[in-house]
Amino acid sequence: MANIVYIVDDIVKPSQSSYDGWMECQGLAAVPIQDRASFIAIALLGAVVACGAGTENQGQSGLDAMRRRMVDEQLKARDIQNPRVLGAMLEVPRHLFVPDARRAEAYEDWPLPIGHAQTISQPYIVGFMTQALDVTPDHRVLEVGTGSGYQAAVLARLARDVYSIEIVPALANRARETLKALGYANVHVRTGNGYLGWPEHAPYDRIIVTAAPDEVPPALLAQLRVGGLMAIPVGTVSQELRILRRTAAGTETLTTLPVRFVPMTNKPRE
């Protein structure tokens, strides 16, 4: 049993059923949830342990059923309706992107630590950001914050190419190996500073950022095609996920959502 030492990343819109399941996992009595803040406060109270047997006892059919339940209950039951996004998240084996000790929780409705003070995002957030970007098969996508590689794998089923940057070398290497083993040949992982983007392959049709800067990095905006979309959490103590469109005059905000992501690091000095 390990104490929570990570930021509770991007938990939004927890369903009552997923909250009850989380409480049962912890051996706690479930009470009605009123809002997102209550869920986060409870999540920070104690230790997180896997509920029930590990995935090694599940078998492939059991894992497939867990993944379908994730799609049905956490995505379709909310506001994720894009059939291509739902199909991608139904196909990508999320449990292979989390540490072995947490695989029993891979399809649950919360983020999980993946080491180096980083997390794999809550499935709903992955679905929300991916759907908001409206990725098509001819798009080139830049991802800042590879992490486990799961978001890149989902995008790889929707886009032509995904260029993903991770600042932590160990995470970049692990994600690269996982993606290669699973056959995602159109994902390209680079170890580097996400604030700088990946200018060699710009401009991008879509950009997704999975860590929170205090403001939108100018280099990323410059690498986004005019008319292109960016999904990025912005803020420090208080954060919001912004879906932006680049225009000839600057940017316009299409929608926002309150979130909590790990902070984006190594901001260049002015």
C-alpha atoms as a PDB file:
ATOM      1  CA  MET A   1       0.000   0.000   0.000  1.00  0.00           C
ATOM      2  CA  ALA A   2       1.495   3.337  -1.037  1.00  0.00           C
ATOM      3  CA  ASN A   3       0.415   6.758   0.133  1.00  0.00           C
ATOM      4  CA  ILE A   4      -0.723   9.221  -2.502  1.00  0.00           C
ATOM      5  CA  VAL A   5       2.166  11.547  -3.273  1.00  0.00           C
ATOM      6  CA  TYR A   6       1.003  12.755  -6.663  1.00  0.00           C
ATOM      7  CA  ILE A   7      -1.238  15.606  -7.677  1.00  0.00           C
ATOM      8  CA  VAL A   8      -4.718  14.271  -8.290  1.00  0.00           C
ATOM      9  CA  ASP A   9      -4.686  14.865 -12.020  1.00  0.00           C
ATOM     10  CA  ASP A  10      -7.615  16.019 -14.120  1.00  0.00           C
ATOM     11  CA  ILE A  11     -10.514  14.463 -12.216  1.00  0.00           C
ATOM     12  CA  VAL A  12     -13.702  16.038 -13.544  1.00  0.00           C
ATOM     13  CA  LYS A  13     -17.345  15.017 -13.687  1.00  0.00           C
ATOM     14  CA  PRO A  14     -16.997  11.859 -11.560  1.00  0.00           C
ATOM     15  CA  SER A  15     -20.070   9.686 -11.925  1.00  0.00           C
ATOM     16  CA  GLN A  16     -21.806   8.442  -8.774  1.00  0.00           C
ATOM     17  CA  SER A  17     -21.211   4.820  -9.830  1.00  0.00           C
ATOM     18  CA  SER A  18     -17.469   5.337 -10.352  1.00  0.00           C
ATOM     19  CA  TYR A  19     -17.222   7.209  -7.048  1.00  0.00           C
ATOM     20  CA  ASP A  20     -19.013   4.385  -5.225  1.00  0.00           C
ATOM     21  CA  GLY A  21     -16.627   1.893  -6.805  1.00  0.00           C
ATOM     22  CA  TRP A  22     -13.614   3.933  -5.735  1.00  0.00           C
ATOM     23  CA  MET A  23     -14.910   4.131  -2.154  1.00  0.00           C
ATOM     24  CA  GLU A  24     -15.535   0.385  -2.115  1.00  0.00           C
ATOM     25  CA  CYS A  25     -11.966  -0.191  -3.289  1.00  0.00           C
ATOM     26  CA  GLN A  26     -10.711   1.766  -0.304  1.00  0.00           C
ATOM     27  CA  GLY A  27     -12.946  -0.070   2.162  1.00  0.00           C
ATOM     28  CA  LEU A  28     -14.891   3.122   2.898  1.00  0.00           C
ATOM     29  CA  ALA A  29     -18.599   3.694   3.170  1.00  0.00           C
ATOM     30  CA  ALA A  30     -19.933   5.472   0.096  1.00  0.00           C
ATOM     31  CA  VAL A  31     -21.904   8.661   0.581  1.00  0.00           C
ATOM     32  CA  PRO A  32     -23.607  10.767  -2.107  1.00  0.00           C
ATOM     33  CA  ILE A  33     -21.140  12.908  -4.031  1.00  0.00           C
ATOM     34  CA  GLN A  34     -22.086  16.549  -4.492  1.00  0.00           C
ATOM     35  CA  ASP A  35     -19.331  17.914  -6.709  1.00  0.00           C
ATOM     36  CA  ARG A  36     -15.891  17.418  -8.205  1.00  0.00           C
ATOM     37  CA  ALA A  37     -14.159  19.134  -5.270  1.00  0.00           C
ATOM     38  CA  SER A  38     -15.661  16.643  -2.826  1.00  0.00           C
ATOM     39  CA  PHE A  39     -14.388  13.731  -4.890  1.00  0.00           C
ATOM     40  CA  ILE A  40     -10.858  15.158  -5.015  1.00  0.00           C
ATOM     41  CA  ALA A  41     -10.830  15.916  -1.280  1.00  0.00           C
ATOM     42  CA  ILE A  42     -11.865  12.345  -0.462  1.00  0.00           C
ATOM     43  CA  ALA A  43      -9.320  10.955  -2.913  1.00  0.00           C
ATOM     44  CA  LEU A  44      -6.543  12.794  -1.089  1.00  0.00           C
ATOM     45  CA  LEU A  45      -7.446  11.396   2.342  1.00  0.00           C
ATOM     46  CA  GLY A  46      -5.618   8.105   2.200  1.00  0.00           C
ATOM     47  CA  ALA A  47      -3.970   5.361   0.248  1.00  0.00           C
ATOM     48  CA  VAL A  48      -5.010   3.951  -3.099  1.00  0.00           C
ATOM     49  CA  VAL A  49      -4.885   0.184  -3.520  1.00  0.00           C
ATOM     50  CA  ALA A  50      -5.992  -2.029  -6.358  1.00  0.00           C
ATOM     51  CA  CYS A  51      -9.460  -3.489  -5.857  1.00  0.00           C
ATOM     52  CA  GLY A  52      -9.815  -7.228  -6.292  1.00  0.00           C
ATOM     53  CA  ALA A  53      -7.509  -9.451  -8.286  1.00  0.00           C
ATOM     54  CA  GLY A  54      -4.867  -8.039 -10.618  1.00  0.00           C
ATOM     55  CA  THR A  55      -5.216  -8.097 -14.371  1.00  0.00           C
ATOM     56  CA  GLU A  56      -3.086 -11.221 -14.513  1.00  0.00           C
ATOM     57  CA  ASN A  57      -6.192 -13.073 -13.299  1.00  0.00           C
ATOM     58  CA  GLN A  58      -8.609 -11.333 -15.640  1.00  0.00           C
ATOM     59  CA  GLY A  59      -7.844 -12.988 -18.971  1.00  0.00           C
ATOM     60  CA  GLN A  60      -8.266 -11.249 -22.308  1.00  0.00           C
ATOM     61  CA  SER A  61     -12.047 -11.522 -22.335  1.00  0.00           C
ATOM     62  CA  GLY A  62     -12.204  -9.927 -18.890  1.00  0.00           C
ATOM     63  CA  LEU A  63      -9.969  -7.051 -19.964  1.00  0.00           C
ATOM     64  CA  ASP A  64     -12.058  -6.500 -23.085  1.00  0.00           C
ATOM     65  CA  ALA A  65     -15.182  -6.377 -20.931  1.00  0.00           C
ATOM     66  CA  MET A  66     -13.572  -3.857 -18.567  1.00  0.00           C
ATOM     67  CA  ARG A  67     -12.582  -1.663 -21.490  1.00  0.00           C
ATOM     68  CA  ARG A  68     -16.088  -1.810 -22.974  1.00  0.00           C
ATOM     69  CA  ARG A  69     -17.570  -0.895 -19.607  1.00  0.00           C
ATOM     70  CA  MET A  70     -15.181   2.064 -19.415  1.00  0.00           C
ATOM     71  CA  VAL A  71     -16.391   3.274 -22.813  1.00  0.00           C
ATOM     72  CA  ASP A  72     -20.068   2.695 -22.048  1.00  0.00           C
ATOM     73  CA  GLU A  73     -20.189   4.096 -18.507  1.00  0.00           C
ATOM     74  CA  GLN A  74     -17.473   6.747 -18.425  1.00  0.00           C
ATOM     75  CA  LEU A  75     -17.646   8.086 -21.984  1.00  0.00           C
ATOM     76  CA  LYS A  76     -20.965   7.329 -23.709  1.00  0.00           C
ATOM     77  CA  ALA A  77     -22.928   7.945 -20.511  1.00  0.00           C
ATOM     78  CA  ARG A  78     -21.465  11.432 -20.325  1.00  0.00           C
ATOM     79  CA  ASP A  79     -20.879  13.562 -23.398  1.00  0.00           C
ATOM     80  CA  ILE A  80     -18.361  11.620 -25.486  1.00  0.00           C
ATOM     81  CA  GLN A  81     -20.276  10.641 -28.602  1.00  0.00           C
ATOM     82  CA  ASN A  82     -17.781  10.816 -31.494  1.00  0.00           C
ATOM     83  CA  PRO A  83     -17.779   7.255 -32.899  1.00  0.00           C
ATOM     84  CA  ARG A  84     -14.123   7.407 -33.985  1.00  0.00           C
ATOM     85  CA  VAL A  85     -13.009   8.490 -30.501  1.00  0.00           C
ATOM     86  CA  LEU A  86     -15.146   5.814 -28.843  1.00  0.00           C
ATOM     87  CA  GLY A  87     -13.781   3.222 -31.257  1.00  0.00           C
ATOM     88  CA  ALA A  88     -10.175   4.199 -30.586  1.00  0.00           C
ATOM     89  CA  MET A  89     -10.607   4.042 -26.818  1.00  0.00           C
ATOM     90  CA  LEU A  90     -12.341   0.690 -27.150  1.00  0.00           C
ATOM     91  CA  GLU A  91      -9.396  -0.683 -29.131  1.00  0.00           C
ATOM     92  CA  VAL A  92      -6.367   0.698 -27.250  1.00  0.00           C
ATOM     93  CA  PRO A  93      -5.322  -1.627 -24.372  1.00  0.00           C
ATOM     94  CA  ARG A  94      -5.068   0.966 -21.614  1.00  0.00           C
ATOM     95  CA  HIS A  95      -3.838  -1.600 -19.064  1.00  0.00           C
ATOM     96  CA  LEU A  96      -0.578  -1.977 -21.000  1.00  0.00           C
ATOM     97  CA  PHE A  97       0.233   1.694 -20.432  1.00  0.00           C
ATOM     98  CA  VAL A  98       0.070   1.642 -16.621  1.00  0.00           C
ATOM     99  CA  PRO A  99       2.535   0.129 -14.114  1.00  0.00           C
ATOM    100  CA  ASP A 100       1.964  -3.543 -13.357  1.00  0.00           C
ATOM    101  CA  ALA A 101       0.953  -2.806  -9.769  1.00  0.00           C
ATOM    102  CA  ARG A 102      -1.904  -0.543 -10.929  1.00  0.00           C
ATOM    103  CA  ARG A 103      -3.264  -2.540 -13.849  1.00  0.00           C
ATOM    104  CA  ALA A 104      -6.325  -3.686 -11.928  1.00  0.00           C
ATOM    105  CA  GLU A 105      -7.337  -0.010 -11.893  1.00  0.00           C
ATOM    106  CA  ALA A 106      -6.499   0.709 -15.531  1.00  0.00           C
ATOM    107  CA  TYR A 107     -10.130   1.049 -16.635  1.00  0.00           C
ATOM    108  CA  GLU A 108     -11.451   2.850 -13.581  1.00  0.00           C
ATOM    109  CA  ASP A 109     -12.707   6.440 -13.543  1.00  0.00           C
ATOM    110  CA  TRP A 110      -9.648   8.161 -12.134  1.00  0.00           C
ATOM    111  CA  PRO A 111      -6.033   9.010 -13.103  1.00  0.00           C
ATOM    112  CA  LEU A 112      -3.156   6.783 -11.988  1.00  0.00           C
ATOM    113  CA  PRO A 113       0.484   7.488 -11.090  1.00  0.00           C
ATOM    114  CA  ILE A 114       3.024   6.254 -13.641  1.00  0.00           C
ATOM    115  CA  GLY A 115       6.182   7.296 -11.802  1.00  0.00           C
ATOM    116  CA  HIS A 116       8.347  10.422 -11.814  1.00  0.00           C
ATOM    117  CA  ALA A 117       5.458  12.437 -10.270  1.00  0.00           C
ATOM    118  CA  GLN A 118       3.417  12.020 -13.454  1.00  0.00           C
ATOM    119  CA  THR A 119       0.037  10.440 -14.159  1.00  0.00           C
ATOM    120  CA  ILE A 120      -2.007   8.753 -16.856  1.00  0.00           C
ATOM    121  CA  SER A 121      -5.122  10.871 -17.244  1.00  0.00           C
ATOM    122  CA  GLN A 122      -8.626   9.860 -16.272  1.00  0.00           C
ATOM    123  CA  PRO A 123     -10.270   8.128 -19.270  1.00  0.00           C
ATOM    124  CA  TYR A 124     -12.968  10.789 -19.497  1.00  0.00           C
ATOM    125  CA  ILE A 125     -10.369  13.547 -19.884  1.00  0.00           C
ATOM    126  CA  VAL A 126      -8.622  11.594 -22.664  1.00  0.00           C
ATOM    127  CA  GLY A 127     -11.952  11.225 -24.417  1.00  0.00           C
ATOM    128  CA  PHE A 128     -12.978  14.844 -23.874  1.00  0.00           C
ATOM    129  CA  MET A 129      -9.726  16.333 -25.193  1.00  0.00           C
ATOM    130  CA  THR A 130      -9.586  13.946 -28.142  1.00  0.00           C
ATOM    131  CA  GLN A 131     -13.181  14.597 -29.145  1.00  0.00           C
ATOM    132  CA  ALA A 132     -12.732  18.364 -28.813  1.00  0.00           C
ATOM    133  CA  LEU A 133      -9.808  18.281 -31.262  1.00  0.00           C
ATOM    134  CA  ASP A 134     -11.926  16.636 -33.996  1.00  0.00           C
ATOM    135  CA  VAL A 135      -8.953  14.742 -35.432  1.00  0.00           C
ATOM    136  CA  THR A 136      -9.243  13.429 -38.993  1.00  0.00           C
ATOM    137  CA  PRO A 137      -7.127  10.809 -40.815  1.00  0.00           C
ATOM    138  CA  ASP A 138      -5.092  13.419 -42.694  1.00  0.00           C
ATOM    139  CA  HIS A 139      -4.046  15.378 -39.593  1.00  0.00           C
ATOM    140  CA  ARG A 140      -0.605  15.722 -38.076  1.00  0.00           C
ATOM    141  CA  VAL A 141      -0.841  16.084 -34.301  1.00  0.00           C
ATOM    142  CA  LEU A 142       1.699  17.400 -31.799  1.00  0.00           C
ATOM    143  CA  GLU A 143       1.386  16.061 -28.255  1.00  0.00           C
ATOM    144  CA  VAL A 144       3.261  17.747 -25.411  1.00  0.00           C
ATOM    145  CA  GLY A 145       3.652  15.367 -22.476  1.00  0.00           C
ATOM    146  CA  THR A 146       3.875  11.785 -23.723  1.00  0.00           C
ATOM    147  CA  GLY A 147       3.700  10.318 -20.216  1.00  0.00           C
ATOM    148  CA  SER A 148       2.625   6.694 -20.520  1.00  0.00           C
ATOM    149  CA  GLY A 149       1.986   6.952 -24.270  1.00  0.00           C
ATOM    150  CA  TYR A 150      -1.737   6.139 -23.930  1.00  0.00           C
ATOM    151  CA  GLN A 151      -3.046   9.441 -25.300  1.00  0.00           C
ATOM    152  CA  ALA A 152      -0.626   9.144 -28.231  1.00  0.00           C
ATOM    153  CA  ALA A 153      -1.930   5.641 -28.957  1.00  0.00           C
ATOM    154  CA  VAL A 154      -5.526   6.881 -29.029  1.00  0.00           C
ATOM    155  CA  LEU A 155      -4.553   9.730 -31.351  1.00  0.00           C
ATOM    156  CA  ALA A 156      -2.581   7.340 -33.567  1.00  0.00           C
ATOM    157  CA  ARG A 157      -5.817   5.552 -34.476  1.00  0.00           C
ATOM    158  CA  LEU A 158      -7.349   8.832 -35.596  1.00  0.00           C
ATOM    159  CA  ALA A 159      -4.535  10.842 -37.226  1.00  0.00           C
ATOM    160  CA  ARG A 160      -1.947  10.398 -39.942  1.00  0.00           C
ATOM    161  CA  ASP A 161       1.029  11.111 -37.663  1.00  0.00           C
ATOM    162  CA  VAL A 162       1.508  11.922 -33.973  1.00  0.00           C
ATOM    163  CA  TYR A 163       4.640  13.727 -32.789  1.00  0.00           C
ATOM    164  CA  SER A 164       4.964  13.430 -29.027  1.00  0.00           C
ATOM    165  CA  ILE A 165       7.418  15.165 -26.670  1.00  0.00           C
ATOM    166  CA  GLU A 166       8.275  14.007 -23.142  1.00  0.00           C
ATOM    167  CA  ILE A 167      10.679  15.854 -20.847  1.00  0.00           C
ATOM    168  CA  VAL A 168      11.408  12.848 -18.567  1.00  0.00           C
ATOM    169  CA  PRO A 169      13.802  10.516 -20.423  1.00  0.00           C
ATOM    170  CA  ALA A 170      12.709   7.368 -18.570  1.00  0.00           C
ATOM    171  CA  LEU A 171       9.052   7.986 -19.425  1.00  0.00           C
ATOM    172  CA  ALA A 172       9.880   8.795 -23.045  1.00  0.00           C
ATOM    173  CA  ASN A 173      11.861   5.568 -23.403  1.00  0.00           C
ATOM    174  CA  ARG A 174       9.152   3.467 -21.764  1.00  0.00           C
ATOM    175  CA  ALA A 175       6.391   5.001 -23.890  1.00  0.00           C
ATOM    176  CA  ARG A 176       8.436   4.569 -27.053  1.00  0.00           C
ATOM    177  CA  GLU A 177       8.981   0.870 -26.279  1.00  0.00           C
ATOM    178  CA  THR A 178       5.313   0.275 -25.440  1.00  0.00           C
ATOM    179  CA  LEU A 179       4.066   2.021 -28.572  1.00  0.00           C
ATOM    180  CA  LYS A 180       6.558   0.154 -30.751  1.00  0.00           C
ATOM    181  CA  ALA A 181       5.609  -3.204 -29.233  1.00  0.00           C
ATOM    182  CA  LEU A 182       1.940  -2.479 -29.964  1.00  0.00           C
ATOM    183  CA  GLY A 183       2.649  -1.516 -33.554  1.00  0.00           C
ATOM    184  CA  TYR A 184       1.925   2.219 -33.481  1.00  0.00           C
ATOM    185  CA  ALA A 185       4.332   3.089 -36.290  1.00  0.00           C
ATOM    186  CA  ASN A 186       2.835   6.549 -36.855  1.00  0.00           C
ATOM    187  CA  VAL A 187       3.771   7.791 -33.365  1.00  0.00           C
ATOM    188  CA  HIS A 188       7.140   9.525 -33.056  1.00  0.00           C
ATOM    189  CA  VAL A 189       8.420  10.130 -29.501  1.00  0.00           C
ATOM    190  CA  ARG A 190      11.113  12.647 -28.663  1.00  0.00           C
ATOM    191  CA  THR A 191      12.745  13.520 -25.349  1.00  0.00           C
ATOM    192  CA  GLY A 192      12.721  17.292 -24.991  1.00  0.00           C
ATOM    193  CA  ASN A 193      11.238  20.470 -23.564  1.00  0.00           C
ATOM    194  CA  GLY A 194       7.585  20.756 -24.516  1.00  0.00           C
ATOM    195  CA  TYR A 195       7.632  24.540 -24.218  1.00  0.00           C
ATOM    196  CA  LEU A 196       9.693  24.579 -27.406  1.00  0.00           C
ATOM    197  CA  GLY A 197       7.460  22.217 -29.360  1.00  0.00           C
ATOM    198  CA  TRP A 198       8.839  20.240 -32.304  1.00  0.00           C
ATOM    199  CA  PRO A 199       9.398  22.872 -35.011  1.00  0.00           C
ATOM    200  CA  GLU A 200      10.908  20.495 -37.576  1.00  0.00           C
ATOM    201  CA  HIS A 201       7.484  19.023 -38.354  1.00  0.00           C
ATOM    202  CA  ALA A 202       5.366  22.170 -37.977  1.00  0.00           C
ATOM    203  CA  PRO A 203       2.820  23.384 -38.764  1.00  0.00           C
ATOM    204  CA  TYR A 204       0.469  20.972 -36.981  1.00  0.00           C
ATOM    205  CA  ASP A 205      -3.241  20.586 -37.564  1.00  0.00           C
ATOM    206  CA  ARG A 206      -3.831  19.818 -33.901  1.00  0.00           C
ATOM    207  CA  ILE A 207      -1.848  20.257 -30.669  1.00  0.00           C
ATOM    208  CA  ILE A 208      -2.664  18.590 -27.351  1.00  0.00           C
ATOM    209  CA  VAL A 209      -0.880  19.479 -24.100  1.00  0.00           C
ATOM    210  CA  THR A 210      -1.156  17.161 -21.102  1.00  0.00           C
ATOM    211  CA  ALA A 211       0.578  19.275 -18.452  1.00  0.00           C
ATOM    212  CA  ALA A 212      -0.390  22.747 -17.296  1.00  0.00           C
ATOM    213  CA  PRO A 213       1.703  25.854 -18.078  1.00  0.00           C
ATOM    214  CA  ASP A 214       0.787  29.182 -16.507  1.00  0.00           C
ATOM    215  CA  GLU A 215       0.061  30.549 -19.986  1.00  0.00           C
ATOM    216  CA  VAL A 216      -0.119  29.210 -23.532  1.00  0.00           C
ATOM    217  CA  PRO A 217       3.498  28.779 -24.741  1.00  0.00           C
ATOM    218  CA  PRO A 218       4.137  31.103 -27.729  1.00  0.00           C
ATOM    219  CA  ALA A 219       6.220  28.459 -29.531  1.00  0.00           C
ATOM    220  CA  LEU A 220       3.314  26.023 -29.535  1.00  0.00           C
ATOM    221  CA  LEU A 221       0.904  28.605 -30.864  1.00  0.00           C
ATOM    222  CA  ALA A 222       3.383  29.482 -33.619  1.00  0.00           C
ATOM    223  CA  GLN A 223       3.578  25.805 -34.637  1.00  0.00           C
ATOM    224  CA  LEU A 224      -0.210  25.453 -34.939  1.00  0.00           C
ATOM    225  CA  ARG A 225      -1.678  25.887 -38.386  1.00  0.00           C
ATOM    226  CA  VAL A 226      -4.081  28.801 -38.854  1.00  0.00           C
ATOM    227  CA  GLY A 227      -7.491  27.226 -38.360  1.00  0.00           C
ATOM    228  CA  GLY A 228      -5.961  24.447 -36.247  1.00  0.00           C
ATOM    229  CA  LEU A 229      -7.121  23.470 -32.756  1.00  0.00           C
ATOM    230  CA  MET A 230      -5.225  23.195 -29.474  1.00  0.00           C
ATOM    231  CA  ALA A 231      -6.317  21.505 -26.225  1.00  0.00           C
ATOM    232  CA  ILE A 232      -4.316  22.816 -23.286  1.00  0.00           C
ATOM    233  CA  PRO A 233      -4.790  23.095 -19.509  1.00  0.00           C
ATOM    234  CA  VAL A 234      -3.697  26.531 -18.280  1.00  0.00           C
ATOM    235  CA  GLY A 235      -3.109  27.798 -14.766  1.00  0.00           C
ATOM    236  CA  THR A 236      -1.336  27.102 -11.500  1.00  0.00           C
ATOM    237  CA  VAL A 237      -3.524  26.919  -8.381  1.00  0.00           C
ATOM    238  CA  SER A 238      -6.679  27.187 -10.474  1.00  0.00           C
ATOM    239  CA  GLN A 239      -6.636  25.517 -13.890  1.00  0.00           C
ATOM    240  CA  GLU A 240      -8.944  25.333 -16.858  1.00  0.00           C
ATOM    241  CA  LEU A 241      -8.737  23.202 -19.947  1.00  0.00           C
ATOM    242  CA  ARG A 242      -9.017  25.441 -23.000  1.00  0.00           C
ATOM    243  CA  ILE A 243      -9.924  24.382 -26.502  1.00  0.00           C
ATOM    244  CA  LEU A 244      -8.420  27.062 -28.742  1.00  0.00           C
ATOM    245  CA  ARG A 245      -8.556  27.761 -32.453  1.00  0.00           C
ATOM    246  CA  ARG A 246      -5.734  29.688 -34.074  1.00  0.00           C
ATOM    247  CA  THR A 247      -6.948  32.538 -36.257  1.00  0.00           C
ATOM    248  CA  ALA A 248      -5.143  35.001 -38.492  1.00  0.00           C
ATOM    249  CA  ALA A 249      -5.455  37.543 -35.690  1.00  0.00           C
ATOM    250  CA  GLY A 250      -4.503  35.295 -32.755  1.00  0.00           C
ATOM    251  CA  THR A 251      -6.701  32.721 -30.994  1.00  0.00           C
ATOM    252  CA  GLU A 252     -10.309  32.176 -30.019  1.00  0.00           C
ATOM    253  CA  THR A 253     -11.479  30.038 -27.114  1.00  0.00           C
ATOM    254  CA  LEU A 254     -14.126  27.500 -28.084  1.00  0.00           C
ATOM    255  CA  THR A 255     -14.778  25.905 -24.688  1.00  0.00           C
ATOM    256  CA  THR A 256     -13.291  25.505 -21.216  1.00  0.00           C
ATOM    257  CA  LEU A 257     -13.446  22.911 -18.449  1.00  0.00           C
ATOM    258  CA  PRO A 258     -12.125  23.012 -14.840  1.00  0.00           C
ATOM    259  CA  VAL A 259      -9.299  20.484 -14.431  1.00  0.00           C
ATOM    260  CA  ARG A 260      -6.216  19.652 -12.386  1.00  0.00           C
ATOM    261  CA  PHE A 261      -3.110  18.554 -14.293  1.00  0.00           C
ATOM    262  CA  VAL A 262       0.499  18.173 -13.211  1.00  0.00           C
ATOM    263  CA  PRO A 263       2.437  21.388 -13.916  1.00  0.00           C
ATOM    264  CA  MET A 264       4.415  21.870 -17.103  1.00  0.00           C
ATOM    265  CA  THR A 265       8.108  22.274 -16.239  1.00  0.00           C
ATOM    266  CA  ASN A 266      11.242  23.953 -17.648  1.00  0.00           C
ATOM    267  CA  LYS A 267       9.633  27.141 -18.905  1.00  0.00           C
ATOM    268  CA  PRO A 268      12.316  29.059 -20.828  1.00  0.00           C
ATOM    269  CA  ARG A 269      13.507  32.278 -19.237  1.00  0.00           C
ATOM    270  CA  GLU A 270      12.660  35.425 -21.089  1.00  0.00           C
END
